[in-house]
Amino acid sequence: MTGVAIRPATAADATAIARIWREGWADGHEGHVPAALAAERTPASFNRRTMERISCTWVAETVGAVAGFVVVVDDEVEQIYVDRDWRGRGVAQRLLHHAEAVIGQGGRRTAWLAVVAGNTRARRFYARSGWHDLGPFTYQAQTATGTVPVPAHRYERDVGDG
């Protein structure tokens, strides 16, 4: 996709990232995660989590606006979301490829991510992108007070020579 640049996120991007994350999380997770986790995902929680992860976040920028973002923590693609107006236009694919490159350049051979079982749109996207569903597992989702166990699927992809 032309006209989209991937760059490290800055604090100036935090408001846009938190909004995209909050809206995207609702689209993919509502009704598919434990009530305890849904209760923790307040607007303030996305603002806090955005700032906690800003140093490991990259944004897709186009026409001077943030169209999406990806968070990479060690060998995990921890978060990837695209603004509703930019979905279906190749932004997610660009962000995912960038995350794979970051993980591979970090000396790791395999990248992984978690997807809640009911998020069929995301699961189809990862399958089309060459990621392999290794099956169900329990993901420990971080909250302000600890973690909440979430039924999910683990996806992996080879990304480097590690």
Protein backbone atom coordinates (compact mmCIF):
# COMPACT_ATOMS: atom_id res chain seq x y z
CA MET A 1 0.00 0.00 0.00
CA THR A 2 1.46 3.33 -0.99
CA GLY A 3 1.19 6.45 1.11
CA VAL A 4 1.57 4.62 4.42
CA ALA A 5 4.74 4.98 6.48
CA ILE A 6 5.59 2.75 9.44
CA ARG A 7 7.50 4.58 12.16
CA PRO A 8 8.12 4.33 15.91
CA ALA A 9 5.28 5.75 17.98
CA THR A 10 5.78 8.88 20.05
CA ALA A 11 3.87 10.33 22.98
CA ALA A 12 2.18 12.68 20.48
CA ASP A 13 0.50 9.60 18.93
CA ALA A 14 -0.94 8.34 22.22
CA THR A 15 -4.41 9.83 21.89
CA ALA A 16 -4.91 8.34 18.42
CA ILE A 17 -3.45 4.97 19.43
CA ALA A 18 -5.67 4.73 22.52
CA ARG A 19 -8.79 5.56 20.48
CA ILE A 20 -7.99 3.03 17.75
CA TRP A 21 -7.14 0.40 20.37
CA ARG A 22 -10.32 1.03 22.38
CA GLU A 23 -12.59 0.89 19.31
CA GLY A 24 -10.81 -2.10 17.79
CA TRP A 25 -10.75 -4.00 21.06
CA ALA A 26 -14.52 -3.54 21.38
CA ASP A 27 -15.06 -4.73 17.80
CA GLY A 28 -13.03 -7.92 18.27
CA HIS A 29 -13.51 -8.79 21.92
CA GLU A 30 -16.93 -7.77 23.21
CA GLY A 31 -18.91 -10.91 23.95
CA HIS A 32 -15.82 -13.10 23.47
CA VAL A 33 -13.88 -12.48 26.68
CA PRO A 34 -14.64 -12.98 30.38
CA ALA A 35 -16.76 -10.23 31.96
CA ALA A 36 -13.91 -9.51 34.40
CA LEU A 37 -11.66 -8.46 31.52
CA ALA A 38 -14.35 -6.44 29.75
CA ALA A 39 -14.94 -4.53 33.00
CA GLU A 40 -11.23 -3.64 33.18
CA ARG A 41 -11.11 -2.26 29.62
CA THR A 42 -12.25 1.27 30.37
CA PRO A 43 -11.22 4.28 28.26
CA ALA A 44 -8.70 5.21 30.97
CA SER A 45 -7.17 1.72 30.80
CA PHE A 46 -6.40 2.13 27.10
CA ASN A 47 -4.79 5.51 27.75
CA ARG A 48 -2.60 4.01 30.49
CA ARG A 49 -1.69 0.90 28.51
CA THR A 50 -0.81 3.00 25.46
CA MET A 51 1.72 5.04 27.41
CA GLU A 52 3.15 1.92 29.09
CA ARG A 53 3.85 0.39 25.66
CA ILE A 54 4.76 3.47 23.60
CA SER A 55 8.45 2.48 23.41
CA CYS A 56 7.58 -0.86 21.74
CA THR A 57 4.84 0.52 19.46
CA TRP A 58 4.99 1.39 15.76
CA VAL A 59 2.33 3.34 13.91
CA ALA A 60 1.12 3.31 10.34
CA GLU A 61 0.86 6.95 9.36
CA THR A 62 -0.90 8.25 6.28
CA VAL A 63 -1.93 11.76 5.32
CA GLY A 64 -0.55 12.96 8.67
CA ALA A 65 -2.82 10.69 10.71
CA VAL A 66 -2.34 7.43 12.57
CA ALA A 67 -4.14 4.71 10.60
CA GLY A 68 -3.12 1.83 12.87
CA PHE A 69 -0.48 0.52 15.23
CA VAL A 70 1.35 -2.60 16.34
CA VAL A 71 2.96 -3.42 19.70
CA VAL A 72 5.84 -5.91 19.81
CA VAL A 73 7.00 -7.31 23.15
CA ASP A 74 9.90 -9.75 22.87
CA ASP A 75 8.64 -12.40 20.41
CA GLU A 76 4.95 -11.53 20.75
CA VAL A 77 2.85 -9.37 18.46
CA GLU A 78 1.00 -8.15 21.51
CA GLN A 79 -1.43 -5.73 19.85
CA ILE A 80 -2.33 -4.80 16.29
CA TYR A 81 -5.23 -2.55 15.43
CA VAL A 82 -6.31 -0.46 12.45
CA ASP A 83 -8.58 2.57 12.49
CA ARG A 84 -12.05 1.62 11.27
CA ASP A 85 -11.71 4.01 8.31
CA TRP A 86 -8.54 2.26 7.14
CA ARG A 87 -9.57 -1.39 7.47
CA GLY A 88 -9.39 -3.47 4.33
CA ARG A 89 -6.78 -1.20 2.74
CA GLY A 90 -3.59 -3.12 3.52
CA VAL A 91 -2.61 -1.28 6.71
CA ALA A 92 -2.85 -4.35 8.96
CA GLN A 93 -0.72 -6.36 6.55
CA ARG A 94 1.98 -3.67 6.55
CA LEU A 95 1.96 -3.50 10.35
CA LEU A 96 2.08 -7.28 10.72
CA HIS A 97 5.02 -7.57 8.30
CA HIS A 98 6.82 -4.86 10.25
CA ALA A 99 6.23 -6.71 13.53
CA GLU A 100 7.54 -9.94 11.99
CA ALA A 101 10.69 -8.11 10.83
CA VAL A 102 11.26 -6.55 14.26
CA ILE A 103 10.97 -9.93 15.95
CA GLY A 104 13.21 -11.62 13.37
CA GLN A 105 15.82 -8.87 13.61
CA GLY A 106 15.80 -9.37 17.36
CA GLY A 107 17.33 -12.80 16.78
CA ARG A 108 14.18 -14.80 17.31
CA ARG A 109 13.04 -17.50 14.93
CA THR A 110 9.32 -17.58 15.79
CA ALA A 111 6.76 -14.86 16.42
CA TRP A 112 3.51 -15.52 18.22
CA LEU A 113 0.24 -13.83 19.04
CA ALA A 114 -3.02 -14.61 20.80
CA VAL A 115 -6.52 -14.21 19.34
CA VAL A 116 -9.76 -14.79 21.22
CA ALA A 117 -11.65 -17.65 19.62
CA GLY A 118 -14.68 -15.55 18.72
CA ASN A 119 -12.69 -12.95 16.78
CA THR A 120 -13.20 -14.66 13.44
CA ARG A 121 -12.20 -11.62 11.37
CA ALA A 122 -8.76 -11.53 13.01
CA ARG A 123 -8.35 -15.30 12.84
CA ARG A 124 -9.05 -15.29 9.07
CA PHE A 125 -6.58 -12.42 8.59
CA TYR A 126 -3.76 -14.25 10.40
CA ALA A 127 -4.43 -17.48 8.50
CA ARG A 128 -4.31 -15.59 5.18
CA SER A 129 -1.08 -13.96 6.32
CA GLY A 130 0.69 -17.30 6.79
CA TRP A 131 0.30 -17.65 10.55
CA HIS A 132 -0.47 -21.11 11.96
CA ASP A 133 -3.17 -21.73 14.56
CA LEU A 134 -1.61 -23.98 17.21
CA GLY A 135 -4.92 -24.33 18.98
CA PRO A 136 -6.56 -23.20 22.18
CA PHE A 137 -4.64 -21.94 25.19
CA THR A 138 -5.23 -19.59 28.10
CA TYR A 139 -3.81 -16.11 27.62
CA GLN A 140 -3.09 -14.08 30.74
CA ALA A 141 -4.43 -10.63 29.81
CA GLN A 142 -2.84 -7.82 31.81
CA THR A 143 -5.03 -5.46 33.80
CA ALA A 144 -4.32 -2.67 36.26
CA THR A 145 -4.71 -5.14 39.13
CA GLY A 146 -3.09 -8.29 37.72
CA THR A 147 -4.16 -10.67 34.98
CA VAL A 148 -7.36 -12.27 33.75
CA PRO A 149 -7.25 -15.72 32.08
CA VAL A 150 -8.76 -15.50 28.59
CA PRO A 151 -9.54 -18.47 26.32
CA ALA A 152 -7.68 -17.79 23.09
CA HIS A 153 -5.86 -19.40 20.17
CA ARG A 154 -2.09 -19.21 19.82
CA TYR A 155 -0.80 -18.34 16.35
CA GLU A 156 2.83 -18.62 15.31
CA ARG A 157 4.94 -17.81 12.27
CA ASP A 158 8.59 -18.35 11.41
CA VAL A 159 10.27 -14.96 11.12
CA GLY A 160 14.02 -15.48 11.23
CA ASP A 161 17.01 -17.72 11.57
CA GLY A 162 17.28 -17.17 15.38
